[in-house]
Amino acid sequence: MFTSLITIFFAGLLISLLSIPLILKKIKINNWYGIRLPQTMQNENVWYEVNSRVGKYIFLFGIFICCLTVLFYFHPFIDEVYTIFVLLTALMLGSVLLIILSIKYSNKFNS
């Protein structure tokens, strides 16, 4: 279980670290890194605004995953399998919410 918790902790940390260049508007339009939607790929201003705003939520999401992992490590109140299930579910649901938020912001700025 320790290995799984460490892996999920570092996944949250990596998510947070990768969002920092997006927040600081350092990433130019590309096909590999950032919020790549048709609306953001067509307009540079939309690209920077959407990536900066959603990047802040991505950063907070990564920190949340790290904190949740530490909480489960120091206060294991449920079975190990359920702990990993809860953490992976949080990762998946958070990812879906971030995708929905990205689409919402890109539509807002494109209008």
C-alpha atoms as a PDB file:
ATOM      1  CA  MET A   1       0.000   0.000   0.000  1.00  0.00           C
ATOM      2  CA  PHE A   2       2.866   2.360   0.772  1.00  0.00           C
ATOM      3  CA  THR A   3       4.093   2.167  -2.820  1.00  0.00           C
ATOM      4  CA  SER A   4       0.625   2.977  -4.163  1.00  0.00           C
ATOM      5  CA  LEU A   5       0.292   5.973  -1.846  1.00  0.00           C
ATOM      6  CA  ILE A   6       3.719   7.283  -2.844  1.00  0.00           C
ATOM      7  CA  THR A   7       2.845   6.867  -6.523  1.00  0.00           C
ATOM      8  CA  ILE A   8      -0.432   8.748  -6.159  1.00  0.00           C
ATOM      9  CA  PHE A   9       1.245  11.444  -4.039  1.00  0.00           C
ATOM     10  CA  PHE A  10       3.882  12.041  -6.718  1.00  0.00           C
ATOM     11  CA  ALA A  11       1.209  12.007  -9.427  1.00  0.00           C
ATOM     12  CA  GLY A  12      -0.532  14.862  -7.596  1.00  0.00           C
ATOM     13  CA  LEU A  13       2.784  16.674  -7.202  1.00  0.00           C
ATOM     14  CA  LEU A  14       3.572  16.237 -10.899  1.00  0.00           C
ATOM     15  CA  ILE A  15       0.128  17.538 -11.855  1.00  0.00           C
ATOM     16  CA  SER A  16       0.725  20.647  -9.754  1.00  0.00           C
ATOM     17  CA  LEU A  17       4.215  21.252 -11.103  1.00  0.00           C
ATOM     18  CA  LEU A  18       3.120  20.859 -14.714  1.00  0.00           C
ATOM     19  CA  SER A  19       0.370  23.443 -14.222  1.00  0.00           C
ATOM     20  CA  ILE A  20       2.757  26.227 -13.175  1.00  0.00           C
ATOM     21  CA  PRO A  21       3.954  27.121 -16.716  1.00  0.00           C
ATOM     22  CA  LEU A  22       0.304  27.201 -17.805  1.00  0.00           C
ATOM     23  CA  ILE A  23      -0.585  29.603 -14.996  1.00  0.00           C
ATOM     24  CA  LEU A  24       2.355  31.865 -15.861  1.00  0.00           C
ATOM     25  CA  LYS A  25       1.380  31.870 -19.570  1.00  0.00           C
ATOM     26  CA  LYS A  26       4.774  30.491 -20.618  1.00  0.00           C
ATOM     27  CA  ILE A  27       3.486  27.802 -22.995  1.00  0.00           C
ATOM     28  CA  LYS A  28       2.812  28.807 -26.585  1.00  0.00           C
ATOM     29  CA  ILE A  29       0.147  27.127 -28.699  1.00  0.00           C
ATOM     30  CA  ASN A  30       1.261  23.570 -29.387  1.00  0.00           C
ATOM     31  CA  ASN A  31      -0.136  20.095 -29.979  1.00  0.00           C
ATOM     32  CA  TRP A  32       1.287  18.440 -26.846  1.00  0.00           C
ATOM     33  CA  TYR A  33       0.956  20.532 -23.685  1.00  0.00           C
ATOM     34  CA  GLY A  34      -1.922  22.644 -22.442  1.00  0.00           C
ATOM     35  CA  ILE A  35      -5.666  22.833 -22.934  1.00  0.00           C
ATOM     36  CA  ARG A  36      -5.927  21.849 -26.593  1.00  0.00           C
ATOM     37  CA  LEU A  37      -9.459  22.509 -27.767  1.00  0.00           C
ATOM     38  CA  PRO A  38     -10.523  23.912 -31.150  1.00  0.00           C
ATOM     39  CA  GLN A  39     -11.366  27.243 -29.494  1.00  0.00           C
ATOM     40  CA  THR A  40      -7.962  27.560 -27.831  1.00  0.00           C
ATOM     41  CA  MET A  41      -5.948  26.420 -30.842  1.00  0.00           C
ATOM     42  CA  GLN A  42      -7.482  29.108 -33.089  1.00  0.00           C
ATOM     43  CA  ASN A  43      -6.846  32.183 -30.958  1.00  0.00           C
ATOM     44  CA  GLU A  44      -3.680  32.958 -29.018  1.00  0.00           C
ATOM     45  CA  ASN A  45      -5.478  35.180 -26.485  1.00  0.00           C
ATOM     46  CA  VAL A  46      -8.007  32.435 -25.749  1.00  0.00           C
ATOM     47  CA  TRP A  47      -5.136  29.928 -25.428  1.00  0.00           C
ATOM     48  CA  TYR A  48      -3.346  31.943 -22.771  1.00  0.00           C
ATOM     49  CA  GLU A  49      -6.472  32.901 -20.819  1.00  0.00           C
ATOM     50  CA  VAL A  50      -7.981  29.412 -20.722  1.00  0.00           C
ATOM     51  CA  ASN A  51      -4.658  27.741 -19.865  1.00  0.00           C
ATOM     52  CA  SER A  52      -3.951  30.275 -17.129  1.00  0.00           C
ATOM     53  CA  ARG A  53      -7.365  30.007 -15.496  1.00  0.00           C
ATOM     54  CA  VAL A  54      -7.712  26.248 -15.767  1.00  0.00           C
ATOM     55  CA  GLY A  55      -4.048  25.873 -14.775  1.00  0.00           C
ATOM     56  CA  LYS A  56      -4.908  27.348 -11.373  1.00  0.00           C
ATOM     57  CA  TYR A  57      -7.560  24.697 -10.867  1.00  0.00           C
ATOM     58  CA  ILE A  58      -5.177  22.004 -12.052  1.00  0.00           C
ATOM     59  CA  PHE A  59      -2.623  23.208  -9.504  1.00  0.00           C
ATOM     60  CA  LEU A  60      -5.183  23.083  -6.695  1.00  0.00           C
ATOM     61  CA  PHE A  61      -6.329  19.652  -7.834  1.00  0.00           C
ATOM     62  CA  GLY A  62      -2.775  18.307  -7.633  1.00  0.00           C
ATOM     63  CA  ILE A  63      -2.322  19.757  -4.140  1.00  0.00           C
ATOM     64  CA  PHE A  64      -5.666  18.239  -3.106  1.00  0.00           C
ATOM     65  CA  ILE A  65      -4.545  14.795  -4.289  1.00  0.00           C
ATOM     66  CA  CYS A  66      -1.268  15.164  -2.362  1.00  0.00           C
ATOM     67  CA  CYS A  67      -3.073  16.218   0.820  1.00  0.00           C
ATOM     68  CA  LEU A  68      -5.638  13.439   0.498  1.00  0.00           C
ATOM     69  CA  THR A  69      -2.847  10.891   0.093  1.00  0.00           C
ATOM     70  CA  VAL A  70      -1.028  12.172   3.185  1.00  0.00           C
ATOM     71  CA  LEU A  71      -4.296  12.110   5.126  1.00  0.00           C
ATOM     72  CA  PHE A  72      -4.919   8.479   4.193  1.00  0.00           C
ATOM     73  CA  TYR A  73      -1.341   7.551   5.059  1.00  0.00           C
ATOM     74  CA  PHE A  74      -1.439   9.013   8.575  1.00  0.00           C
ATOM     75  CA  HIS A  75      -5.097   8.248   9.309  1.00  0.00           C
ATOM     76  CA  PRO A  76      -5.980   4.943   7.667  1.00  0.00           C
ATOM     77  CA  PHE A  77      -9.627   4.628   8.621  1.00  0.00           C
ATOM     78  CA  ILE A  78     -10.649   2.204   5.908  1.00  0.00           C
ATOM     79  CA  ASP A  79      -9.215  -0.907   4.269  1.00  0.00           C
ATOM     80  CA  GLU A  80      -6.126  -0.495   2.054  1.00  0.00           C
ATOM     81  CA  VAL A  81      -7.968  -1.527  -1.100  1.00  0.00           C
ATOM     82  CA  TYR A  82     -10.708   1.018  -0.451  1.00  0.00           C
ATOM     83  CA  THR A  83      -8.134   3.714   0.249  1.00  0.00           C
ATOM     84  CA  ILE A  84      -6.544   3.203  -3.162  1.00  0.00           C
ATOM     85  CA  PHE A  85      -9.994   2.990  -4.748  1.00  0.00           C
ATOM     86  CA  VAL A  86     -11.004   6.322  -3.186  1.00  0.00           C
ATOM     87  CA  LEU A  87      -7.774   8.005  -4.322  1.00  0.00           C
ATOM     88  CA  LEU A  88      -8.035   6.702  -7.881  1.00  0.00           C
ATOM     89  CA  THR A  89     -11.697   7.692  -8.009  1.00  0.00           C
ATOM     90  CA  ALA A  90     -10.740  11.196  -6.846  1.00  0.00           C
ATOM     91  CA  LEU A  91      -8.117  11.358  -9.611  1.00  0.00           C
ATOM     92  CA  MET A  92     -10.596  10.269 -12.280  1.00  0.00           C
ATOM     93  CA  LEU A  93     -13.483  12.470 -11.139  1.00  0.00           C
ATOM     94  CA  GLY A  94     -11.183  15.457 -10.760  1.00  0.00           C
ATOM     95  CA  SER A  95      -9.843  14.905 -14.265  1.00  0.00           C
ATOM     96  CA  VAL A  96     -13.367  14.796 -15.700  1.00  0.00           C
ATOM     97  CA  LEU A  97     -14.297  17.971 -13.830  1.00  0.00           C
ATOM     98  CA  LEU A  98     -11.191  19.719 -15.154  1.00  0.00           C
ATOM     99  CA  ILE A  99     -12.099  18.709 -18.705  1.00  0.00           C
ATOM    100  CA  ILE A 100     -15.615  20.107 -18.267  1.00  0.00           C
ATOM    101  CA  LEU A 101     -14.187  23.300 -16.765  1.00  0.00           C
ATOM    102  CA  SER A 102     -11.760  23.639 -19.688  1.00  0.00           C
ATOM    103  CA  ILE A 103     -14.569  23.368 -22.205  1.00  0.00           C
ATOM    104  CA  LYS A 104     -16.665  25.875 -20.254  1.00  0.00           C
ATOM    105  CA  TYR A 105     -13.883  28.457 -20.124  1.00  0.00           C
ATOM    106  CA  SER A 106     -12.897  27.990 -23.755  1.00  0.00           C
ATOM    107  CA  ASN A 107     -16.500  28.538 -24.839  1.00  0.00           C
ATOM    108  CA  LYS A 108     -16.777  31.608 -22.586  1.00  0.00           C
ATOM    109  CA  PHE A 109     -13.650  33.269 -23.963  1.00  0.00           C
ATOM    110  CA  ASN A 110     -14.395  32.365 -27.561  1.00  0.00           C
ATOM    111  CA  SER A 111     -17.825  34.059 -27.527  1.00  0.00           C
END
